[in-house]
N, C-alpha and C. Protein backbone atom coordinates (compact mmCIF):
# COMPACT_ATOMS: atom_id res chain seq x y z
N MET A 1 0.84 -1.17 0.00
CA MET A 1 0.00 0.00 0.00
C MET A 1 0.90 1.24 0.00
N SER A 2 0.76 2.09 -0.98
CA SER A 2 1.61 3.27 -1.06
C SER A 2 1.21 4.37 -0.08
N ASN A 3 -0.06 4.44 0.29
CA ASN A 3 -0.53 5.46 1.23
C ASN A 3 -1.61 4.84 2.12
N PRO A 4 -1.22 4.37 3.30
CA PRO A 4 -2.19 3.69 4.16
C PRO A 4 -3.31 4.58 4.68
N SER A 5 -3.18 5.90 4.54
CA SER A 5 -4.26 6.78 4.99
C SER A 5 -5.29 7.06 3.90
N ARG A 6 -5.08 6.47 2.73
CA ARG A 6 -6.00 6.68 1.61
C ARG A 6 -6.91 5.47 1.43
N PHE A 7 -8.19 5.73 1.32
CA PHE A 7 -9.18 4.69 1.08
C PHE A 7 -9.68 4.82 -0.34
N VAL A 8 -9.64 3.73 -1.10
CA VAL A 8 -10.10 3.75 -2.49
C VAL A 8 -11.31 2.84 -2.62
N GLU A 9 -12.37 3.39 -3.16
CA GLU A 9 -13.60 2.63 -3.38
C GLU A 9 -13.89 2.64 -4.88
N THR A 10 -14.20 1.49 -5.43
CA THR A 10 -14.52 1.38 -6.85
C THR A 10 -16.00 1.04 -6.99
N VAL A 11 -16.69 1.82 -7.81
CA VAL A 11 -18.12 1.64 -8.00
C VAL A 11 -18.40 1.64 -9.50
N LEU A 12 -19.22 0.71 -9.94
CA LEU A 12 -19.60 0.63 -11.35
C LEU A 12 -21.08 0.97 -11.48
N VAL A 13 -21.38 2.02 -12.23
CA VAL A 13 -22.77 2.40 -12.48
C VAL A 13 -22.97 2.52 -13.98
N GLU A 14 -24.22 2.52 -14.39
CA GLU A 14 -24.55 2.52 -15.81
C GLU A 14 -24.13 3.78 -16.54
N SER A 15 -24.24 4.93 -15.85
CA SER A 15 -23.94 6.20 -16.54
C SER A 15 -23.49 7.23 -15.51
N TRP A 16 -22.93 8.32 -16.02
CA TRP A 16 -22.53 9.42 -15.16
C TRP A 16 -23.77 10.04 -14.50
N VAL A 17 -24.86 10.13 -15.23
CA VAL A 17 -26.10 10.68 -14.69
C VAL A 17 -26.56 9.85 -13.49
N GLU A 18 -26.51 8.53 -13.61
CA GLU A 18 -26.89 7.66 -12.49
C GLU A 18 -25.96 7.87 -11.30
N HIS A 19 -24.69 8.01 -11.56
CA HIS A 19 -23.72 8.26 -10.50
C HIS A 19 -24.06 9.55 -9.75
N ARG A 20 -24.35 10.60 -10.47
CA ARG A 20 -24.69 11.87 -9.83
C ARG A 20 -26.01 11.78 -9.07
N ARG A 21 -26.96 11.00 -9.56
CA ARG A 21 -28.23 10.81 -8.85
C ARG A 21 -28.01 10.17 -7.48
N GLN A 22 -27.01 9.32 -7.40
CA GLN A 22 -26.72 8.67 -6.11
C GLN A 22 -26.42 9.71 -5.03
N TYR A 23 -25.77 10.80 -5.39
CA TYR A 23 -25.47 11.85 -4.42
C TYR A 23 -26.74 12.57 -4.00
N ASP A 24 -27.71 12.64 -4.87
CA ASP A 24 -28.97 13.30 -4.53
C ASP A 24 -29.88 12.41 -3.69
N ARG A 25 -29.64 11.11 -3.68
CA ARG A 25 -30.51 10.16 -2.99
C ARG A 25 -29.98 9.74 -1.62
N VAL A 26 -29.10 10.51 -1.03
CA VAL A 26 -28.56 10.16 0.27
C VAL A 26 -29.70 10.17 1.30
N THR A 27 -29.81 9.10 2.03
CA THR A 27 -30.87 8.98 3.03
C THR A 27 -30.40 9.51 4.38
N ASN A 28 -31.33 9.68 5.29
CA ASN A 28 -30.97 10.09 6.65
C ASN A 28 -30.08 9.03 7.30
N SER A 29 -30.36 7.77 7.03
CA SER A 29 -29.52 6.69 7.57
C SER A 29 -28.10 6.79 7.04
N ASP A 30 -27.96 7.11 5.76
CA ASP A 30 -26.63 7.30 5.18
C ASP A 30 -25.89 8.43 5.89
N LYS A 31 -26.59 9.51 6.16
CA LYS A 31 -25.98 10.66 6.83
C LYS A 31 -25.52 10.29 8.24
N VAL A 32 -26.33 9.52 8.95
CA VAL A 32 -25.96 9.08 10.30
C VAL A 32 -24.69 8.24 10.27
N VAL A 33 -24.61 7.33 9.33
CA VAL A 33 -23.41 6.49 9.20
C VAL A 33 -22.20 7.36 8.88
N GLU A 34 -22.35 8.30 7.97
CA GLU A 34 -21.24 9.18 7.61
C GLU A 34 -20.76 9.98 8.82
N GLU A 35 -21.68 10.49 9.61
CA GLU A 35 -21.31 11.25 10.82
C GLU A 35 -20.56 10.36 11.80
N ARG A 36 -20.98 9.12 11.94
CA ARG A 36 -20.31 8.19 12.85
C ARG A 36 -18.89 7.88 12.38
N VAL A 37 -18.72 7.75 11.09
CA VAL A 37 -17.40 7.45 10.52
C VAL A 37 -16.47 8.66 10.68
N LEU A 38 -17.00 9.85 10.48
CA LEU A 38 -16.17 11.06 10.55
C LEU A 38 -15.59 11.30 11.94
N VAL A 39 -16.15 10.68 12.96
CA VAL A 39 -15.61 10.78 14.31
C VAL A 39 -14.15 10.29 14.34
N PHE A 40 -13.82 9.35 13.47
CA PHE A 40 -12.48 8.77 13.45
C PHE A 40 -11.49 9.58 12.62
N HIS A 41 -11.95 10.61 11.94
CA HIS A 41 -11.07 11.45 11.12
C HIS A 41 -10.30 12.39 12.05
N ILE A 42 -8.96 12.35 11.99
CA ILE A 42 -8.16 13.10 12.95
C ILE A 42 -7.47 14.34 12.37
N ALA A 43 -7.50 14.53 11.08
CA ALA A 43 -6.84 15.70 10.49
C ALA A 43 -7.64 16.97 10.75
N GLN A 44 -6.96 18.11 10.65
CA GLN A 44 -7.63 19.40 10.85
C GLN A 44 -8.62 19.70 9.74
N GLU A 45 -8.24 19.43 8.50
CA GLU A 45 -9.11 19.71 7.35
C GLU A 45 -10.04 18.52 7.11
N PRO A 46 -11.18 18.77 6.47
CA PRO A 46 -12.10 17.67 6.18
C PRO A 46 -11.48 16.67 5.20
N PRO A 47 -11.99 15.45 5.18
CA PRO A 47 -11.47 14.46 4.23
C PRO A 47 -11.62 14.96 2.80
N LYS A 48 -10.67 14.59 1.96
CA LYS A 48 -10.72 14.98 0.55
C LYS A 48 -11.32 13.83 -0.25
N LEU A 49 -12.20 14.18 -1.15
CA LEU A 49 -12.84 13.20 -2.02
C LEU A 49 -12.53 13.56 -3.45
N SER A 50 -12.09 12.60 -4.21
CA SER A 50 -11.88 12.83 -5.64
C SER A 50 -12.42 11.62 -6.39
N GLU A 51 -12.68 11.81 -7.65
CA GLU A 51 -13.24 10.74 -8.47
C GLU A 51 -12.37 10.53 -9.70
N MET A 52 -12.33 9.30 -10.15
CA MET A 52 -11.67 8.96 -11.40
C MET A 52 -12.73 8.27 -12.25
N VAL A 53 -12.96 8.80 -13.42
CA VAL A 53 -13.98 8.26 -14.31
C VAL A 53 -13.31 7.40 -15.37
N TYR A 54 -13.81 6.19 -15.55
CA TYR A 54 -13.32 5.29 -16.59
C TYR A 54 -14.38 5.19 -17.68
N SER A 55 -13.97 5.34 -18.90
CA SER A 55 -14.92 5.22 -20.01
C SER A 55 -15.01 3.77 -20.46
N LYS A 56 -15.98 3.47 -21.29
CA LYS A 56 -16.14 2.10 -21.78
C LYS A 56 -14.94 1.61 -22.57
N ASP A 57 -14.16 2.54 -23.14
CA ASP A 57 -12.98 2.14 -23.90
C ASP A 57 -11.75 1.98 -23.00
N GLY A 58 -11.94 2.13 -21.69
CA GLY A 58 -10.86 1.90 -20.74
C GLY A 58 -10.02 3.11 -20.41
N LYS A 59 -10.30 4.26 -21.00
CA LYS A 59 -9.54 5.47 -20.70
C LYS A 59 -9.96 6.03 -19.34
N GLN A 60 -9.02 6.70 -18.67
CA GLN A 60 -9.28 7.31 -17.37
C GLN A 60 -9.37 8.82 -17.51
N TYR A 61 -10.30 9.42 -16.80
CA TYR A 61 -10.46 10.86 -16.81
C TYR A 61 -10.65 11.33 -15.38
N PRO A 62 -9.68 12.10 -14.84
CA PRO A 62 -9.89 12.61 -13.48
C PRO A 62 -11.06 13.59 -13.46
N SER A 63 -11.92 13.43 -12.51
CA SER A 63 -13.04 14.35 -12.34
C SER A 63 -12.58 15.46 -11.42
N GLN A 64 -13.33 16.53 -11.34
CA GLN A 64 -13.01 17.59 -10.39
C GLN A 64 -13.18 17.04 -8.99
N ASN A 65 -12.43 17.59 -8.04
CA ASN A 65 -12.60 17.16 -6.65
C ASN A 65 -14.02 17.45 -6.21
N CYS A 66 -14.53 16.57 -5.40
CA CYS A 66 -15.92 16.66 -4.95
C CYS A 66 -15.98 17.29 -3.58
N ASP A 67 -17.08 17.88 -3.26
CA ASP A 67 -17.29 18.43 -1.91
C ASP A 67 -18.18 17.51 -1.15
């Protein structure tokens, strides 16, 4: 592991639109879990989230950092 403080999650969805909808569908239960997890974050600044988009032809495209 090159950076043990970095967590990488891979998710496969049908389209970019579907991926963005997932952010709009966050439930109250999801928010509670996120708050519980953030208790373990020890840095001064909030966790950084970034996305890497893979196209069907296998190319990678870095997305803008997410908030």
